[in-house]
Structure formats: C-alpha cells, structure tokens
Amino acid sequence: MSRTPQPRKSNPVTAKRGPSLNVVLTGIVVLVAALVIGGVLVVNRSSGDGSADLARLLPADAHTLSEVEGNRVTLVEFLDYQCPACHSYYSGITEQLEEDYRGRITFATRNFPLDVHPLAPLAARATEAAGEQDKHTEMYHALYGGFDEWAVTGQATASDETAARAVFERYAQEIGLDVDRFRADLDSDAVEAAVDRDVADGKALGVTGTPTFFVNGERFEPAGQTLEAVGAELRAALDEALAG
C-alpha cells in the first residue's frame, strides 16, 4: 500500500526567520559607531569655529569701554592695573584708541592681576565694585590716570593696601559713587568671584602676562619694538577687521 508523501516539516532551529542574530548584532554595532563618529564630528565642527572661545573671551556681562551692537569687531584686553607695561599701553595706545574707535568696535577689559603686583587684586576689585554702580569705565580711567599716586613708591612697586584703599575711596567719591556701598562691594564675594572668573578665563585662553590683546578672538602678537609701532599694528588689525 503506497503512502502519500507528507510535507516535510521545517527544522525550527534552521528555519529562515529573517536576518540572523549575527547580522542584527553587526548592524547595531555599525549604527552605534556611526552615531558616535557623527557626534564627534558635530562637536568638533561646533568647537572649531571659535564660538566657544569667543564666549569665554567676551561674556555677555563683560565690562566695555566702547560697545557696538552685534560685536562685529571686538578688542579684548586682559590687564593688570598695577602693571607698568599696562599703564604705558594705556597712556601711549589704548586711551586714544578708545576715543578714536568709539562707536565702531566693542572694546572690553578683563582683569588679570599678576602675583608680582601686590595691589593689583585690590585695584581689579575696585573696578568691579565701581561696576556695581555702573561706573566701571570711570574707575578704569581713574586708576590709570592716578597710577603714579597709588601704584608706585619712587621706583618701587607700592604695597600699602591701606593707603591704596583710601585713594580708591577718594576716586569713588570723585566719580560719583556711593562710597559706603563701594567700600562694602570692594570686599564682597560677588566682586571677588568676578575677578576670579576673569583670571580663570584668561588662563584658559593662554594668557600669562599683561597686557594681552585679542582682536576678533585672535590673539594680537605685535612685532614692533616701540609703543608707537605696536599702536600702529593694533590699529591696522582693527582697521582690517572693520573692512572685512
């Protein structure tokens, strides 16, 4: 008696049910790798355009001597108020540059008091304390204008903090500050933190000495050997940025 052939049952182990486990796992690995690599490329592109450094260089609440909406051309100076070189640059370059480029560039100052200047941290706090009453620029000019009065003693660097405080309080009165509030702000945690942030930002940007300038986020490296030559180079850099 003949038997009708029965359909062959498929082996549940070897039956084809779509892509194998190895194929699926391989696909997952490839996908994850692609996402990771893609993420790295996106991060590198974002950090490579200089925007992160510019945000550190010129935070929204930075003190400006001159400001133009949009900050198309920026000049940022890291300075030390008791630094003789900074005072020379102020007298020979930046005081006039501030006037000549007003309304054309954003010119911001950041604190970078050096350890070799004992009154520099106090002077930096004085400008920040004045800034609490919207008089940062006025104190900036008072400190550099009176440099020989508080920053030096003969040919030596002054270190008498009590005497410097008295001078700074007089400046505060002369520029129209509430002196009692100025005195309190001078030693406040908020003012100290503002100076510390400037220093931290400067170090992160590679600042080691003063004055250090950045034009549109690029560190300004003058080749001139005189104030006149350096001033001309700085103006040329600004003019080039304005023309760009």
C-alpha atoms as a PDB file:
ATOM      1  CA  MET A   1       0.000   0.000   0.000  1.00  0.00           C
ATOM      2  CA  SER A   2       1.526   3.166  -1.084  1.00  0.00           C
ATOM      3  CA  ARG A   3       1.844   6.080   1.420  1.00  0.00           C
ATOM      4  CA  THR A   4       1.175   9.563   0.307  1.00  0.00           C
ATOM      5  CA  PRO A   5       4.303  11.662   0.932  1.00  0.00           C
ATOM      6  CA  GLN A   6       3.805  14.113   3.780  1.00  0.00           C
ATOM      7  CA  PRO A   7       5.068  17.659   3.567  1.00  0.00           C
ATOM      8  CA  ARG A   8       8.477  17.968   5.097  1.00  0.00           C
ATOM      9  CA  LYS A   9       8.455  19.830   8.398  1.00  0.00           C
ATOM     10  CA  SER A  10      10.895  22.634   8.696  1.00  0.00           C
ATOM     11  CA  ASN A  11      13.531  22.486  11.406  1.00  0.00           C
ATOM     12  CA  PRO A  12      12.668  25.185  13.922  1.00  0.00           C
ATOM     13  CA  VAL A  13      16.359  25.784  14.530  1.00  0.00           C
ATOM     14  CA  THR A  14      17.419  26.121  10.915  1.00  0.00           C
ATOM     15  CA  ALA A  15      14.264  27.724   9.585  1.00  0.00           C
ATOM     16  CA  LYS A  16      14.799  31.116   7.969  1.00  0.00           C
ATOM     17  CA  ARG A  17      13.065  33.764  10.015  1.00  0.00           C
ATOM     18  CA  GLY A  18      14.679  36.975   8.714  1.00  0.00           C
ATOM     19  CA  PRO A  19      18.226  38.247   9.406  1.00  0.00           C
ATOM     20  CA  SER A  20      20.376  36.082  11.646  1.00  0.00           C
ATOM     21  CA  LEU A  21      21.350  37.192  15.139  1.00  0.00           C
ATOM     22  CA  ASN A  22      24.921  37.839  13.980  1.00  0.00           C
ATOM     23  CA  VAL A  23      23.718  40.088  11.210  1.00  0.00           C
ATOM     24  CA  VAL A  24      21.486  42.033  13.587  1.00  0.00           C
ATOM     25  CA  LEU A  25      24.245  42.486  16.161  1.00  0.00           C
ATOM     26  CA  THR A  26      26.665  43.586  13.474  1.00  0.00           C
ATOM     27  CA  GLY A  27      24.159  46.154  12.235  1.00  0.00           C
ATOM     28  CA  ILE A  28      23.670  47.524  15.719  1.00  0.00           C
ATOM     29  CA  VAL A  29      27.425  47.885  16.209  1.00  0.00           C
ATOM     30  CA  VAL A  30      27.776  49.682  12.887  1.00  0.00           C
ATOM     31  CA  LEU A  31      24.871  52.011  13.718  1.00  0.00           C
ATOM     32  CA  VAL A  32      26.247  52.883  17.148  1.00  0.00           C
ATOM     33  CA  ALA A  33      29.699  53.519  15.671  1.00  0.00           C
ATOM     34  CA  ALA A  34      28.198  55.781  13.034  1.00  0.00           C
ATOM     35  CA  LEU A  35      26.287  57.756  15.650  1.00  0.00           C
ATOM     36  CA  VAL A  36      29.377  58.139  17.845  1.00  0.00           C
ATOM     37  CA  ILE A  37      31.599  59.205  14.974  1.00  0.00           C
ATOM     38  CA  GLY A  38      28.929  61.554  13.692  1.00  0.00           C
ATOM     39  CA  GLY A  39      28.571  63.076  17.141  1.00  0.00           C
ATOM     40  CA  VAL A  40      32.313  63.619  17.403  1.00  0.00           C
ATOM     41  CA  LEU A  41      32.352  65.337  14.034  1.00  0.00           C
ATOM     42  CA  VAL A  42      29.481  67.610  15.023  1.00  0.00           C
ATOM     43  CA  VAL A  43      31.195  68.530  18.290  1.00  0.00           C
ATOM     44  CA  ASN A  44      34.478  69.188  16.522  1.00  0.00           C
ATOM     45  CA  ARG A  45      32.764  71.416  13.983  1.00  0.00           C
ATOM     46  CA  SER A  46      30.978  73.343  16.714  1.00  0.00           C
ATOM     47  CA  SER A  47      34.112  73.863  18.807  1.00  0.00           C
ATOM     48  CA  GLY A  48      36.298  74.550  15.806  1.00  0.00           C
ATOM     49  CA  ASP A  49      34.527  77.727  14.739  1.00  0.00           C
ATOM     50  CA  GLY A  50      35.907  79.720  17.690  1.00  0.00           C
ATOM     51  CA  SER A  51      32.479  80.407  19.206  1.00  0.00           C
ATOM     52  CA  ALA A  52      33.286  78.679  22.486  1.00  0.00           C
ATOM     53  CA  ASP A  53      36.482  80.677  22.940  1.00  0.00           C
ATOM     54  CA  LEU A  54      34.735  83.908  21.979  1.00  0.00           C
ATOM     55  CA  ALA A  55      32.069  83.263  24.601  1.00  0.00           C
ATOM     56  CA  ARG A  56      34.814  82.809  27.189  1.00  0.00           C
ATOM     57  CA  LEU A  57      36.721  85.799  25.879  1.00  0.00           C
ATOM     58  CA  LEU A  58      33.779  88.193  25.831  1.00  0.00           C
ATOM     59  CA  PRO A  59      30.968  87.071  28.151  1.00  0.00           C
ATOM     60  CA  ALA A  60      27.681  88.913  27.950  1.00  0.00           C
ATOM     61  CA  ASP A  61      28.350  90.830  31.166  1.00  0.00           C
ATOM     62  CA  ALA A  62      31.927  91.851  30.348  1.00  0.00           C
ATOM     63  CA  HIS A  63      32.801  95.483  31.065  1.00  0.00           C
ATOM     64  CA  THR A  64      33.132  97.515  27.874  1.00  0.00           C
ATOM     65  CA  LEU A  65      34.742 100.881  27.275  1.00  0.00           C
ATOM     66  CA  SER A  66      33.040 101.038  23.898  1.00  0.00           C
ATOM     67  CA  GLU A  67      30.304  98.778  22.596  1.00  0.00           C
ATOM     68  CA  VAL A  68      28.678  98.268  19.223  1.00  0.00           C
ATOM     69  CA  GLU A  69      25.552  96.188  18.775  1.00  0.00           C
ATOM     70  CA  GLY A  70      26.370  92.758  17.438  1.00  0.00           C
ATOM     71  CA  ASN A  71      30.054  92.952  18.458  1.00  0.00           C
ATOM     72  CA  ARG A  72      31.155  92.660  14.820  1.00  0.00           C
ATOM     73  CA  VAL A  73      34.673  93.841  15.647  1.00  0.00           C
ATOM     74  CA  THR A  74      35.930  93.183  19.160  1.00  0.00           C
ATOM     75  CA  LEU A  75      39.037  94.188  21.069  1.00  0.00           C
ATOM     76  CA  VAL A  76      39.552  92.483  24.432  1.00  0.00           C
ATOM     77  CA  GLU A  77      42.403  93.381  26.769  1.00  0.00           C
ATOM     78  CA  PHE A  78      43.499  91.323  29.759  1.00  0.00           C
ATOM     79  CA  LEU A  79      45.167  93.810  32.080  1.00  0.00           C
ATOM     80  CA  ASP A  80      46.724  94.422  35.478  1.00  0.00           C
ATOM     81  CA  TYR A  81      46.138  97.889  36.905  1.00  0.00           C
ATOM     82  CA  GLN A  82      49.487  97.947  38.732  1.00  0.00           C
ATOM     83  CA  CYS A  83      51.453  96.703  35.729  1.00  0.00           C
ATOM     84  CA  PRO A  84      53.827  99.393  34.383  1.00  0.00           C
ATOM     85  CA  ALA A  85      53.537  97.991  30.860  1.00  0.00           C
ATOM     86  CA  CYS A  86      49.736  98.170  31.010  1.00  0.00           C
ATOM     87  CA  HIS A  87      49.945 101.773  32.180  1.00  0.00           C
ATOM     88  CA  SER A  88      52.333 102.580  29.327  1.00  0.00           C
ATOM     89  CA  TYR A  89      49.969 100.979  26.819  1.00  0.00           C
ATOM     90  CA  TYR A  90      47.088 102.950  28.294  1.00  0.00           C
ATOM     91  CA  SER A  91      48.973 106.240  28.070  1.00  0.00           C
ATOM     92  CA  GLY A  92      50.514 105.574  24.677  1.00  0.00           C
ATOM     93  CA  ILE A  93      47.892 103.487  22.862  1.00  0.00           C
ATOM     94  CA  THR A  94      44.544 102.495  24.311  1.00  0.00           C
ATOM     95  CA  GLU A  95      43.367 105.735  25.891  1.00  0.00           C
ATOM     96  CA  GLN A  96      43.358 107.437  22.495  1.00  0.00           C
ATOM     97  CA  LEU A  97      42.299 104.283  20.658  1.00  0.00           C
ATOM     98  CA  GLU A  98      39.197 104.097  22.858  1.00  0.00           C
ATOM     99  CA  GLU A  99      38.183 107.549  21.661  1.00  0.00           C
ATOM    100  CA  ASP A 100      39.129 107.077  18.016  1.00  0.00           C
ATOM    101  CA  TYR A 101      37.220 103.804  17.612  1.00  0.00           C
ATOM    102  CA  ARG A 102      34.212 104.624  19.772  1.00  0.00           C
ATOM    103  CA  GLY A 103      31.022 103.570  18.012  1.00  0.00           C
ATOM    104  CA  ARG A 104      32.983 101.353  15.629  1.00  0.00           C
ATOM    105  CA  ILE A 105      34.248  98.497  17.804  1.00  0.00           C
ATOM    106  CA  THR A 106      33.432  96.757  21.069  1.00  0.00           C
ATOM    107  CA  PHE A 107      36.386  97.287  23.409  1.00  0.00           C
ATOM    108  CA  ALA A 108      36.248  95.186  26.581  1.00  0.00           C
ATOM    109  CA  THR A 109      38.640  94.868  29.512  1.00  0.00           C
ATOM    110  CA  ARG A 110      39.200  91.760  31.631  1.00  0.00           C
ATOM    111  CA  ASN A 111      41.060  91.552  34.930  1.00  0.00           C
ATOM    112  CA  PHE A 112      44.305  89.621  35.131  1.00  0.00           C
ATOM    113  CA  PRO A 113      46.172  90.792  38.265  1.00  0.00           C
ATOM    114  CA  LEU A 114      49.653  89.303  38.474  1.00  0.00           C
ATOM    115  CA  ASP A 115      51.210  87.914  41.650  1.00  0.00           C
ATOM    116  CA  VAL A 116      54.178  90.292  41.371  1.00  0.00           C
ATOM    117  CA  HIS A 117      51.908  93.313  41.865  1.00  0.00           C
ATOM    118  CA  PRO A 118      50.562  93.293  45.441  1.00  0.00           C
ATOM    119  CA  LEU A 119      47.884  95.950  44.899  1.00  0.00           C
ATOM    120  CA  ALA A 120      46.646  94.621  41.546  1.00  0.00           C
ATOM    121  CA  PRO A 121      43.905  92.363  43.001  1.00  0.00           C
ATOM    122  CA  LEU A 122      42.559  95.254  45.088  1.00  0.00           C
ATOM    123  CA  ALA A 123      42.577  97.553  42.057  1.00  0.00           C
ATOM    124  CA  ALA A 124      40.748  94.937  39.986  1.00  0.00           C
ATOM    125  CA  ARG A 125      38.124  94.656  42.718  1.00  0.00           C
ATOM    126  CA  ALA A 126      37.836  98.448  42.770  1.00  0.00           C
ATOM    127  CA  THR A 127      36.797  98.485  39.116  1.00  0.00           C
ATOM    128  CA  GLU A 128      34.337  95.651  39.693  1.00  0.00           C
ATOM    129  CA  ALA A 129      32.902  97.419  42.751  1.00  0.00           C
ATOM    130  CA  ALA A 130      32.508 100.593  40.683  1.00  0.00           C
ATOM    131  CA  GLY A 131      30.829  98.482  38.009  1.00  0.00           C
ATOM    132  CA  GLU A 132      28.186  97.513  40.554  1.00  0.00           C
ATOM    133  CA  GLN A 133      27.138 101.178  40.308  1.00  0.00           C
ATOM    134  CA  ASP A 134      27.644 101.359  36.510  1.00  0.00           C
ATOM    135  CA  LYS A 135      30.893 103.314  36.853  1.00  0.00           C
ATOM    136  CA  HIS A 136      33.444 100.738  35.747  1.00  0.00           C
ATOM    137  CA  THR A 137      34.806 102.871  32.921  1.00  0.00           C
ATOM    138  CA  GLU A 138      35.219 105.893  35.183  1.00  0.00           C
ATOM    139  CA  MET A 139      37.191 103.851  37.749  1.00  0.00           C
ATOM    140  CA  TYR A 140      39.285 102.289  34.986  1.00  0.00           C
ATOM    141  CA  HIS A 141      40.366 105.759  33.884  1.00  0.00           C
ATOM    142  CA  ALA A 142      40.844 106.962  37.470  1.00  0.00           C
ATOM    143  CA  LEU A 143      43.182 104.078  38.307  1.00  0.00           C
ATOM    144  CA  TYR A 144      45.366 104.508  35.243  1.00  0.00           C
ATOM    145  CA  GLY A 145      45.192 108.292  35.420  1.00  0.00           C
ATOM    146  CA  GLY A 146      46.385 108.191  39.030  1.00  0.00           C
ATOM    147  CA  PHE A 147      48.872 105.339  38.531  1.00  0.00           C
ATOM    148  CA  ASP A 148      51.836 107.241  39.963  1.00  0.00           C
ATOM    149  CA  GLU A 149      49.827 108.115  43.073  1.00  0.00           C
ATOM    150  CA  TRP A 150      48.905 104.617  44.254  1.00  0.00           C
ATOM    151  CA  ALA A 151      50.788 102.019  42.193  1.00  0.00           C
ATOM    152  CA  VAL A 152      54.403 103.064  42.740  1.00  0.00           C
ATOM    153  CA  THR A 153      56.553 104.402  45.551  1.00  0.00           C
ATOM    154  CA  GLY A 154      59.525 106.143  43.998  1.00  0.00           C
ATOM    155  CA  GLN A 155      60.991 103.470  41.744  1.00  0.00           C
ATOM    156  CA  ALA A 156      59.445 100.588  43.679  1.00  0.00           C
ATOM    157  CA  THR A 157      56.097  98.800  43.415  1.00  0.00           C
ATOM    158  CA  ALA A 158      53.723 100.046  46.105  1.00  0.00           C
ATOM    159  CA  SER A 159      52.302  97.500  48.555  1.00  0.00           C
ATOM    160  CA  ASP A 160      50.461  99.542  51.199  1.00  0.00           C
ATOM    161  CA  GLU A 161      46.892  98.284  50.869  1.00  0.00           C
ATOM    162  CA  THR A 162      45.513 100.654  53.490  1.00  0.00           C
ATOM    163  CA  ALA A 163      46.872 103.660  51.615  1.00  0.00           C
ATOM    164  CA  ALA A 164      45.578 102.289  48.303  1.00  0.00           C
ATOM    165  CA  ARG A 165      42.090 101.775  49.743  1.00  0.00           C
ATOM    166  CA  ALA A 166      41.996 105.398  50.844  1.00  0.00           C
ATOM    167  CA  VAL A 167      42.990 106.547  47.356  1.00  0.00           C
ATOM    168  CA  PHE A 168      40.404 104.280  45.698  1.00  0.00           C
ATOM    169  CA  GLU A 169      37.671 105.573  48.007  1.00  0.00           C
ATOM    170  CA  ARG A 170      38.596 109.105  47.022  1.00  0.00           C
ATOM    171  CA  TYR A 171      38.361 108.133  43.363  1.00  0.00           C
ATOM    172  CA  ALA A 172      34.972 106.578  44.100  1.00  0.00           C
ATOM    173  CA  GLN A 173      33.767 109.857  45.571  1.00  0.00           C
ATOM    174  CA  GLU A 174      35.169 111.863  42.661  1.00  0.00           C
ATOM    175  CA  ILE A 175      33.370 109.760  40.057  1.00  0.00           C
ATOM    176  CA  GLY A 176      30.076 109.971  41.918  1.00  0.00           C
ATOM    177  CA  LEU A 177      29.783 106.609  43.650  1.00  0.00           C
ATOM    178  CA  ASP A 178      28.015 105.821  46.878  1.00  0.00           C
ATOM    179  CA  VAL A 179      31.250 105.406  48.840  1.00  0.00           C
ATOM    180  CA  ASP A 180      29.751 103.284  51.604  1.00  0.00           C
ATOM    181  CA  ARG A 181      28.387 100.850  49.064  1.00  0.00           C
ATOM    182  CA  PHE A 182      31.675 100.917  47.155  1.00  0.00           C
ATOM    183  CA  ARG A 183      33.548 100.095  50.361  1.00  0.00           C
ATOM    184  CA  ALA A 184      31.259  97.142  51.039  1.00  0.00           C
ATOM    185  CA  ASP A 185      31.366  95.859  47.450  1.00  0.00           C
ATOM    186  CA  LEU A 186      35.156  96.077  47.392  1.00  0.00           C
ATOM    187  CA  ASP A 187      35.340  93.114  49.771  1.00  0.00           C
ATOM    188  CA  SER A 188      32.207  91.273  48.665  1.00  0.00           C
ATOM    189  CA  ASP A 189      32.181  87.663  47.497  1.00  0.00           C
ATOM    190  CA  ALA A 190      30.469  88.670  44.255  1.00  0.00           C
ATOM    191  CA  VAL A 191      33.212  91.122  43.302  1.00  0.00           C
ATOM    192  CA  GLU A 192      35.958  88.668  44.195  1.00  0.00           C
ATOM    193  CA  ALA A 193      34.228  85.992  42.120  1.00  0.00           C
ATOM    194  CA  ALA A 194      34.058  88.356  39.126  1.00  0.00           C
ATOM    195  CA  VAL A 195      37.819  88.928  39.268  1.00  0.00           C
ATOM    196  CA  ASP A 196      38.477  85.211  39.737  1.00  0.00           C
ATOM    197  CA  ARG A 197      36.357  84.412  36.669  1.00  0.00           C
ATOM    198  CA  ASP A 198      38.359  86.841  34.534  1.00  0.00           C
ATOM    199  CA  VAL A 199      41.602  85.251  35.674  1.00  0.00           C
ATOM    200  CA  ALA A 200      40.294  81.744  35.029  1.00  0.00           C
ATOM    201  CA  ASP A 201      39.098  82.723  31.551  1.00  0.00           C
ATOM    202  CA  GLY A 202      42.436  84.345  30.795  1.00  0.00           C
ATOM    203  CA  LYS A 203      44.375  81.261  31.828  1.00  0.00           C
ATOM    204  CA  ALA A 204      42.075  79.040  29.755  1.00  0.00           C
ATOM    205  CA  LEU A 205      42.831  81.268  26.756  1.00  0.00           C
ATOM    206  CA  GLY A 206      46.586  81.043  27.314  1.00  0.00           C
ATOM    207  CA  VAL A 207      47.125  84.459  28.892  1.00  0.00           C
ATOM    208  CA  THR A 208      50.276  84.528  31.013  1.00  0.00           C
ATOM    209  CA  GLY A 209      51.194  88.218  31.117  1.00  0.00           C
ATOM    210  CA  THR A 210      49.748  91.677  30.680  1.00  0.00           C
ATOM    211  CA  PRO A 211      48.684  93.428  28.630  1.00  0.00           C
ATOM    212  CA  THR A 212      47.352  90.723  26.317  1.00  0.00           C
ATOM    213  CA  PHE A 213      45.009  91.707  23.484  1.00  0.00           C
ATOM    214  CA  PHE A 214      42.600  89.752  21.298  1.00  0.00           C
ATOM    215  CA  VAL A 215      41.163  91.182  18.073  1.00  0.00           C
ATOM    216  CA  ASN A 216      38.010  89.355  16.957  1.00  0.00           C
ATOM    217  CA  GLY A 217      39.046  86.376  19.049  1.00  0.00           C
ATOM    218  CA  GLU A 218      42.552  86.192  17.623  1.00  0.00           C
ATOM    219  CA  ARG A 219      45.469  86.889  19.919  1.00  0.00           C
ATOM    220  CA  PHE A 220      47.302  90.054  18.885  1.00  0.00           C
ATOM    221  CA  GLU A 221      51.046  89.406  18.576  1.00  0.00           C
ATOM    222  CA  PRO A 222      52.833  92.667  17.723  1.00  0.00           C
ATOM    223  CA  ALA A 223      56.249  92.720  16.107  1.00  0.00           C
ATOM    224  CA  GLY A 224      57.035  96.361  16.882  1.00  0.00           C
ATOM    225  CA  GLN A 225      59.618  97.341  19.477  1.00  0.00           C
ATOM    226  CA  THR A 226      58.114 100.704  20.436  1.00  0.00           C
ATOM    227  CA  LEU A 227      54.721 101.805  21.694  1.00  0.00           C
ATOM    228  CA  GLU A 228      54.229 103.813  18.529  1.00  0.00           C
ATOM    229  CA  ALA A 229      54.927 100.776  16.348  1.00  0.00           C
ATOM    230  CA  VAL A 230      52.716  98.478  18.399  1.00  0.00           C
ATOM    231  CA  GLY A 231      49.918 101.040  18.394  1.00  0.00           C
ATOM    232  CA  ALA A 232      50.105 101.279  14.618  1.00  0.00           C
ATOM    233  CA  GLU A 233      49.940  97.476  14.314  1.00  0.00           C
ATOM    234  CA  LEU A 234      46.933  97.279  16.614  1.00  0.00           C
ATOM    235  CA  ARG A 235      45.104  99.967  14.661  1.00  0.00           C
ATOM    236  CA  ALA A 236      45.936  98.192  11.420  1.00  0.00           C
ATOM    237  CA  ALA A 237      44.480  94.950  12.801  1.00  0.00           C
ATOM    238  CA  LEU A 238      41.295  96.754  13.834  1.00  0.00           C
ATOM    239  CA  ASP A 239      41.014  98.546  10.501  1.00  0.00           C
ATOM    240  CA  GLU A 240      41.418  95.267   8.654  1.00  0.00           C
ATOM    241  CA  ALA A 241      38.682  93.688  10.760  1.00  0.00           C
ATOM    242  CA  LEU A 242      36.391  96.667  10.139  1.00  0.00           C
ATOM    243  CA  ALA A 243      36.979  96.453   6.405  1.00  0.00           C
ATOM    244  CA  GLY A 244      36.350  92.710   6.290  1.00  0.00           C
END
